[in-house]
Amino acid sequence: MNYLIYAIFIIGFGLAMIYFNWMIAILILFVGIALLFTKSGVIFSADLKKFKSYKSFFGLTIGYSFQSSDFNKVKLKYTNETTNIFSQGVARDIRARTYDIVLTKSTNQKSTLHEFTEYKLAEKTFNIFVEKLGYEGVNKLAEIQSANLRKRKRGR
């Protein structure tokens, strides 16, 4: 259910399209329903020499495999985006929070492994890279949280 918000908007648009063209509406509804059942994640091999970022559509898995020896740094990055949507005089805010795992090679080439929507899963994956694979790790969210805690303590 990683694409739940997108699926709801597409299904809503497809339902509205039924009034104008039912054939296009069915196609749009099919895309929205497909997004409801789309999954994504990261798979590690048993010996931790390879890992794979994947997306799964109705059992069909597509992804990229990486060798663990190709990278040496990992960063857990926090992204908070807000979008304003104005519709019929009503303003709505849509907020998207993601936790990105970014891997870096020794040549400073960066690659985003995965965007997590849950912090616990992102932190668990980050810890596998740092503790089990020995990568140099930077947890940007932990840095933000500790900076905010220091600000609160100074304000008292």
C-alpha atoms as a PDB file:
ATOM      1  CA  MET A   1       0.000   0.000   0.000  1.00  0.00           C
ATOM      2  CA  ASN A   2       2.898   2.361  -0.711  1.00  0.00           C
ATOM      3  CA  TYR A   3       0.966   4.220  -3.377  1.00  0.00           C
ATOM      4  CA  LEU A   4      -2.368   4.531  -1.544  1.00  0.00           C
ATOM      5  CA  ILE A   5      -2.737   8.317  -1.892  1.00  0.00           C
ATOM      6  CA  TYR A   6      -1.916   8.247  -5.604  1.00  0.00           C
ATOM      7  CA  ALA A   7      -4.322   5.351  -6.131  1.00  0.00           C
ATOM      8  CA  ILE A   8      -7.176   7.180  -4.391  1.00  0.00           C
ATOM      9  CA  PHE A   9      -6.702  10.279  -6.548  1.00  0.00           C
ATOM     10  CA  ILE A  10      -6.514   8.234  -9.753  1.00  0.00           C
ATOM     11  CA  ILE A  11      -9.567   6.155  -8.840  1.00  0.00           C
ATOM     12  CA  GLY A  12     -11.488   9.349  -8.003  1.00  0.00           C
ATOM     13  CA  PHE A  13     -10.493  10.841 -11.346  1.00  0.00           C
ATOM     14  CA  GLY A  14     -11.518   7.608 -13.089  1.00  0.00           C
ATOM     15  CA  LEU A  15     -14.928   7.672 -11.410  1.00  0.00           C
ATOM     16  CA  ALA A  16     -15.414  11.271 -12.550  1.00  0.00           C
ATOM     17  CA  MET A  17     -14.426  10.295 -16.103  1.00  0.00           C
ATOM     18  CA  ILE A  18     -17.270   7.765 -16.303  1.00  0.00           C
ATOM     19  CA  TYR A  19     -19.560  10.712 -17.050  1.00  0.00           C
ATOM     20  CA  PHE A  20     -17.481  11.784 -20.077  1.00  0.00           C
ATOM     21  CA  ASN A  21     -16.037   8.584 -21.576  1.00  0.00           C
ATOM     22  CA  TRP A  22     -16.555   5.192 -20.009  1.00  0.00           C
ATOM     23  CA  MET A  23     -13.752   3.435 -21.952  1.00  0.00           C
ATOM     24  CA  ILE A  24     -11.092   5.870 -20.766  1.00  0.00           C
ATOM     25  CA  ALA A  25     -12.594   5.724 -17.271  1.00  0.00           C
ATOM     26  CA  ILE A  26     -12.158   1.936 -17.149  1.00  0.00           C
ATOM     27  CA  LEU A  27      -8.507   2.282 -18.160  1.00  0.00           C
ATOM     28  CA  ILE A  28      -7.892   4.945 -15.485  1.00  0.00           C
ATOM     29  CA  LEU A  29      -9.694   2.845 -12.848  1.00  0.00           C
ATOM     30  CA  PHE A  30      -7.528  -0.156 -13.772  1.00  0.00           C
ATOM     31  CA  VAL A  31      -4.354   1.921 -13.241  1.00  0.00           C
ATOM     32  CA  GLY A  32      -5.654   3.154  -9.871  1.00  0.00           C
ATOM     33  CA  ILE A  33      -6.525  -0.362  -8.711  1.00  0.00           C
ATOM     34  CA  ALA A  34      -3.103  -1.608  -9.875  1.00  0.00           C
ATOM     35  CA  LEU A  35      -1.454   1.065  -7.735  1.00  0.00           C
ATOM     36  CA  LEU A  36      -3.426  -0.143  -4.703  1.00  0.00           C
ATOM     37  CA  PHE A  37      -1.707  -3.518  -4.942  1.00  0.00           C
ATOM     38  CA  THR A  38       1.790  -2.250  -5.750  1.00  0.00           C
ATOM     39  CA  LYS A  39       4.478  -2.996  -3.178  1.00  0.00           C
ATOM     40  CA  SER A  40       8.087  -1.913  -2.941  1.00  0.00           C
ATOM     41  CA  GLY A  41      11.006  -2.669  -0.678  1.00  0.00           C
ATOM     42  CA  VAL A  42      14.556  -3.894  -0.240  1.00  0.00           C
ATOM     43  CA  ILE A  43      15.676  -7.540  -0.160  1.00  0.00           C
ATOM     44  CA  PHE A  44      19.051  -8.620   1.253  1.00  0.00           C
ATOM     45  CA  SER A  45      20.684 -11.923   0.303  1.00  0.00           C
ATOM     46  CA  ALA A  46      21.379 -14.389   3.102  1.00  0.00           C
ATOM     47  CA  ASP A  47      25.129 -13.742   3.004  1.00  0.00           C
ATOM     48  CA  LEU A  48      24.588  -9.941   2.659  1.00  0.00           C
ATOM     49  CA  LYS A  49      26.765  -9.745  -0.481  1.00  0.00           C
ATOM     50  CA  LYS A  50      23.876  -8.530  -2.637  1.00  0.00           C
ATOM     51  CA  PHE A  51      20.757  -6.489  -2.080  1.00  0.00           C
ATOM     52  CA  LYS A  52      17.875  -5.559  -4.330  1.00  0.00           C
ATOM     53  CA  SER A  53      15.469  -2.630  -4.476  1.00  0.00           C
ATOM     54  CA  TYR A  54      12.195  -3.832  -5.984  1.00  0.00           C
ATOM     55  CA  LYS A  55       8.638  -2.916  -6.965  1.00  0.00           C
ATOM     56  CA  SER A  56       6.020  -5.631  -7.220  1.00  0.00           C
ATOM     57  CA  PHE A  57       2.902  -5.326  -9.421  1.00  0.00           C
ATOM     58  CA  PHE A  58       0.433  -8.200  -8.985  1.00  0.00           C
ATOM     59  CA  GLY A  59       3.276 -10.673  -8.384  1.00  0.00           C
ATOM     60  CA  LEU A  60       5.534  -9.331 -11.171  1.00  0.00           C
ATOM     61  CA  THR A  61       8.713  -8.092  -9.480  1.00  0.00           C
ATOM     62  CA  ILE A  62      10.941  -5.465 -11.077  1.00  0.00           C
ATOM     63  CA  GLY A  63      14.087  -4.205  -9.412  1.00  0.00           C
ATOM     64  CA  TYR A  64      17.759  -3.399  -9.400  1.00  0.00           C
ATOM     65  CA  SER A  65      20.426  -5.585  -7.801  1.00  0.00           C
ATOM     66  CA  PHE A  66      23.518  -4.123  -6.180  1.00  0.00           C
ATOM     67  CA  GLN A  67      26.748  -5.667  -4.898  1.00  0.00           C
ATOM     68  CA  SER A  68      27.464  -4.692  -1.301  1.00  0.00           C
ATOM     69  CA  SER A  69      31.165  -4.241  -2.094  1.00  0.00           C
ATOM     70  CA  ASP A  70      30.379  -1.454  -4.603  1.00  0.00           C
ATOM     71  CA  PHE A  71      29.358   1.037  -1.890  1.00  0.00           C
ATOM     72  CA  ASN A  72      30.987   2.259   1.320  1.00  0.00           C
ATOM     73  CA  LYS A  73      28.665   4.964   2.738  1.00  0.00           C
ATOM     74  CA  VAL A  74      24.965   5.082   3.565  1.00  0.00           C
ATOM     75  CA  LYS A  75      22.812   8.066   4.496  1.00  0.00           C
ATOM     76  CA  LEU A  76      19.294   8.059   5.931  1.00  0.00           C
ATOM     77  CA  LYS A  77      17.714  11.273   4.662  1.00  0.00           C
ATOM     78  CA  TYR A  78      14.408  12.777   5.794  1.00  0.00           C
ATOM     79  CA  THR A  79      12.196  14.518   3.229  1.00  0.00           C
ATOM     80  CA  ASN A  80       9.100  16.494   4.185  1.00  0.00           C
ATOM     81  CA  GLU A  81       7.133  17.981   1.278  1.00  0.00           C
ATOM     82  CA  THR A  82       3.865  19.895   1.439  1.00  0.00           C
ATOM     83  CA  THR A  83       1.618  20.695  -1.498  1.00  0.00           C
ATOM     84  CA  ASN A  84      -1.386  23.022  -1.457  1.00  0.00           C
ATOM     85  CA  ILE A  85      -4.357  22.069  -3.618  1.00  0.00           C
ATOM     86  CA  PHE A  86      -7.109  24.621  -4.186  1.00  0.00           C
ATOM     87  CA  SER A  87     -10.441  23.235  -5.309  1.00  0.00           C
ATOM     88  CA  GLN A  88     -13.768  25.073  -5.349  1.00  0.00           C
ATOM     89  CA  GLY A  89     -12.593  27.665  -2.857  1.00  0.00           C
ATOM     90  CA  VAL A  90     -11.248  25.108  -0.387  1.00  0.00           C
ATOM     91  CA  ALA A  91      -7.527  24.811   0.260  1.00  0.00           C
ATOM     92  CA  ARG A  92      -6.128  21.414   1.197  1.00  0.00           C
ATOM     93  CA  ASP A  93      -2.610  20.593   2.278  1.00  0.00           C
ATOM     94  CA  ILE A  94      -1.110  17.268   1.301  1.00  0.00           C
ATOM     95  CA  ARG A  95       2.047  16.312   3.165  1.00  0.00           C
ATOM     96  CA  ALA A  96       4.429  13.586   2.074  1.00  0.00           C
ATOM     97  CA  ARG A  97       7.110  12.356   4.449  1.00  0.00           C
ATOM     98  CA  THR A  98       9.706   9.936   3.171  1.00  0.00           C
ATOM     99  CA  TYR A  99      12.883   8.460   4.562  1.00  0.00           C
ATOM    100  CA  ASP A 100      15.409   7.869   1.780  1.00  0.00           C
ATOM    101  CA  ILE A 101      18.350   5.463   1.883  1.00  0.00           C
ATOM    102  CA  VAL A 102      21.149   6.952  -0.236  1.00  0.00           C
ATOM    103  CA  LEU A 103      24.252   4.884  -0.977  1.00  0.00           C
ATOM    104  CA  THR A 104      27.600   6.386  -1.997  1.00  0.00           C
ATOM    105  CA  LYS A 105      30.480   4.719  -3.844  1.00  0.00           C
ATOM    106  CA  SER A 106      34.128   5.508  -3.203  1.00  0.00           C
ATOM    107  CA  THR A 107      34.019   7.661  -6.368  1.00  0.00           C
ATOM    108  CA  ASN A 108      31.307   9.842  -4.701  1.00  0.00           C
ATOM    109  CA  GLN A 109      28.649   8.522  -7.091  1.00  0.00           C
ATOM    110  CA  LYS A 110      25.326   8.476  -5.220  1.00  0.00           C
ATOM    111  CA  SER A 111      22.403   6.149  -5.713  1.00  0.00           C
ATOM    112  CA  THR A 112      19.031   6.262  -3.941  1.00  0.00           C
ATOM    113  CA  LEU A 113      18.223   2.725  -2.914  1.00  0.00           C
ATOM    114  CA  HIS A 114      14.669   3.224  -1.671  1.00  0.00           C
ATOM    115  CA  GLU A 115      12.176   5.774  -0.344  1.00  0.00           C
ATOM    116  CA  PHE A 116      10.490   4.470   2.787  1.00  0.00           C
ATOM    117  CA  THR A 117       7.216   5.823   4.129  1.00  0.00           C
ATOM    118  CA  GLU A 118       7.775   4.351   7.608  1.00  0.00           C
ATOM    119  CA  TYR A 119      10.716   5.397   9.759  1.00  0.00           C
ATOM    120  CA  LYS A 120      11.019   2.032  11.538  1.00  0.00           C
ATOM    121  CA  LEU A 121      11.645   0.183   8.268  1.00  0.00           C
ATOM    122  CA  ALA A 122      14.088   2.830   7.047  1.00  0.00           C
ATOM    123  CA  GLU A 123      16.010   2.732  10.325  1.00  0.00           C
ATOM    124  CA  LYS A 124      16.106  -1.074  10.281  1.00  0.00           C
ATOM    125  CA  THR A 125      17.544  -1.059   6.750  1.00  0.00           C
ATOM    126  CA  PHE A 126      20.012   1.696   7.678  1.00  0.00           C
ATOM    127  CA  ASN A 127      21.204  -0.338  10.674  1.00  0.00           C
ATOM    128  CA  ILE A 128      21.800  -3.400   8.474  1.00  0.00           C
ATOM    129  CA  PHE A 129      24.111  -1.337   6.277  1.00  0.00           C
ATOM    130  CA  VAL A 130      25.984   0.185   9.228  1.00  0.00           C
ATOM    131  CA  GLU A 131      26.177  -2.736  11.653  1.00  0.00           C
ATOM    132  CA  LYS A 132      26.295  -5.801   9.433  1.00  0.00           C
ATOM    133  CA  LEU A 133      27.933  -4.480   6.265  1.00  0.00           C
ATOM    134  CA  GLY A 134      30.259  -2.011   7.965  1.00  0.00           C
ATOM    135  CA  TYR A 135      29.267   1.039   5.919  1.00  0.00           C
ATOM    136  CA  GLU A 136      30.014   4.536   7.148  1.00  0.00           C
ATOM    137  CA  GLY A 137      26.573   5.847   8.104  1.00  0.00           C
ATOM    138  CA  VAL A 138      24.947   9.243   8.532  1.00  0.00           C
ATOM    139  CA  ASN A 139      21.442   9.428   9.977  1.00  0.00           C
ATOM    140  CA  LYS A 140      20.215  12.918   9.034  1.00  0.00           C
ATOM    141  CA  LEU A 141      16.896  12.499  10.884  1.00  0.00           C
ATOM    142  CA  ALA A 142      18.686  11.685  14.142  1.00  0.00           C
ATOM    143  CA  GLU A 143      20.818  14.805  13.641  1.00  0.00           C
ATOM    144  CA  ILE A 144      17.690  16.934  13.112  1.00  0.00           C
ATOM    145  CA  GLN A 145      16.025  15.451  16.193  1.00  0.00           C
ATOM    146  CA  SER A 146      19.051  16.037  18.423  1.00  0.00           C
ATOM    147  CA  ALA A 147      19.385  19.643  17.152  1.00  0.00           C
ATOM    148  CA  ASN A 148      15.704  20.268  17.972  1.00  0.00           C
ATOM    149  CA  LEU A 149      16.174  18.747  21.427  1.00  0.00           C
ATOM    150  CA  ARG A 150      19.148  21.038  22.110  1.00  0.00           C
ATOM    151  CA  LYS A 151      17.066  24.061  21.018  1.00  0.00           C
ATOM    152  CA  ARG A 152      14.262  23.090  23.401  1.00  0.00           C
ATOM    153  CA  LYS A 153      16.668  22.633  26.297  1.00  0.00           C
ATOM    154  CA  ARG A 154      18.229  26.050  25.656  1.00  0.00           C
ATOM    155  CA  GLY A 155      14.780  27.672  25.616  1.00  0.00           C
ATOM    156  CA  ARG A 156      13.899  26.517  29.147  1.00  0.00           C
END
